[in-house]
Amino acid sequence: MPLTRVFDEFVSDIRDRATELNGQAVTVNLVGGATLTGTLAYATRSAGWPTGSTEWPKSLTLTVSTKAHTIRLDHVSSIGQG
């Protein structure tokens, strides 16, 4: 299933970028063309099983002013600093 693989790789790239920029001011471009700027929160946590594995959230949180927005990773087209 090549399309699924490409999609999974895209979401993986977004996930890696979100992990890298966690806690920083970012601009998030959404698939529909909207842009949000705020502070990013995206943190992994240890999964109980198998031992040593990581649980990756399927969404990130972007705080704009005082309002927190939860955004699914598959709705994000790009994340940039600032």
Protein backbone atom coordinates (compact mmCIF):
# COMPACT_ATOMS: atom_id res chain seq x y z
CA MET A 1 0.00 0.00 0.00
CA PRO A 2 2.23 2.83 -1.22
CA LEU A 3 -0.24 5.62 -0.39
CA THR A 4 -0.51 4.55 3.23
CA ARG A 5 3.26 4.34 3.53
CA VAL A 6 3.72 7.83 2.10
CA PHE A 7 1.05 9.18 4.47
CA ASP A 8 2.66 7.44 7.47
CA GLU A 9 6.06 8.88 6.55
CA PHE A 10 4.55 12.37 6.25
CA VAL A 11 2.90 12.13 9.68
CA SER A 12 6.15 10.75 11.07
CA ASP A 13 8.01 13.83 9.74
CA ILE A 14 5.44 16.15 11.34
CA ARG A 15 5.70 14.18 14.60
CA ASP A 16 9.50 14.45 14.60
CA ARG A 17 9.35 18.19 13.93
CA ALA A 18 6.77 18.66 16.71
CA THR A 19 9.04 16.77 19.12
CA GLU A 20 11.99 18.94 18.13
CA LEU A 21 10.08 22.22 18.62
CA ASN A 22 8.16 21.23 21.78
CA GLY A 23 7.76 24.22 24.12
CA GLN A 24 8.80 26.80 21.52
CA ALA A 25 6.96 29.52 19.62
CA VAL A 26 5.94 28.05 16.26
CA THR A 27 3.79 28.63 13.20
CA VAL A 28 1.60 25.69 12.22
CA ASN A 29 0.21 25.51 8.69
CA LEU A 30 -2.91 23.40 8.39
CA VAL A 31 -3.96 21.29 5.41
CA GLY A 32 -6.95 23.55 4.69
CA GLY A 33 -4.70 26.61 4.35
CA ALA A 34 -5.17 28.17 7.80
CA THR A 35 -2.13 29.22 9.84
CA LEU A 36 -1.83 29.37 13.62
CA THR A 37 1.03 30.87 15.61
CA GLY A 38 1.60 30.08 19.27
CA THR A 39 3.43 27.88 21.76
CA LEU A 40 3.66 24.19 20.86
CA ALA A 41 3.12 21.35 23.32
CA TYR A 42 3.92 17.86 22.07
CA ALA A 43 5.43 15.35 24.44
CA THR A 44 5.96 11.63 24.18
CA ARG A 45 5.74 9.27 27.12
CA SER A 46 6.96 5.81 27.92
CA ALA A 47 4.61 3.04 26.93
CA GLY A 48 4.09 0.26 29.43
CA TRP A 49 4.61 -2.50 26.91
CA PRO A 50 6.85 -3.45 25.24
CA THR A 51 9.44 -2.25 27.72
CA GLY A 52 11.40 0.76 26.52
CA SER A 53 8.93 1.73 23.81
CA THR A 54 7.55 5.23 23.25
CA GLU A 55 3.93 6.32 22.98
CA TRP A 56 3.44 9.03 20.34
CA PRO A 57 0.39 11.31 20.68
CA LYS A 58 -1.79 11.61 17.56
CA SER A 59 -2.34 15.33 18.14
CA LEU A 60 -0.44 18.38 19.29
CA THR A 61 -1.54 21.35 21.37
CA LEU A 62 -0.91 24.90 20.23
CA THR A 63 -1.62 27.71 22.66
CA VAL A 64 -2.58 30.92 20.87
CA SER A 65 -2.88 33.83 23.31
CA THR A 66 -4.62 32.01 26.16
CA LYS A 67 -6.60 29.46 24.14
CA ALA A 68 -5.28 25.93 23.64
CA HIS A 69 -6.01 24.29 20.28
CA THR A 70 -5.72 20.52 19.86
CA ILE A 71 -4.70 19.67 16.30
CA ARG A 72 -4.50 16.19 14.77
CA LEU A 73 -1.12 15.51 13.21
CA ASP A 74 -2.72 14.51 9.90
CA HIS A 75 -4.25 18.01 9.65
CA VAL A 76 -0.82 19.69 9.79
CA SER A 77 1.01 20.47 6.54
CA SER A 78 4.08 22.06 8.16
CA ILE A 79 5.51 23.39 11.42
CA GLY A 80 8.08 26.17 11.53
CA GLN A 81 9.88 28.06 14.26
CA GLY A 82 8.57 31.51 15.20
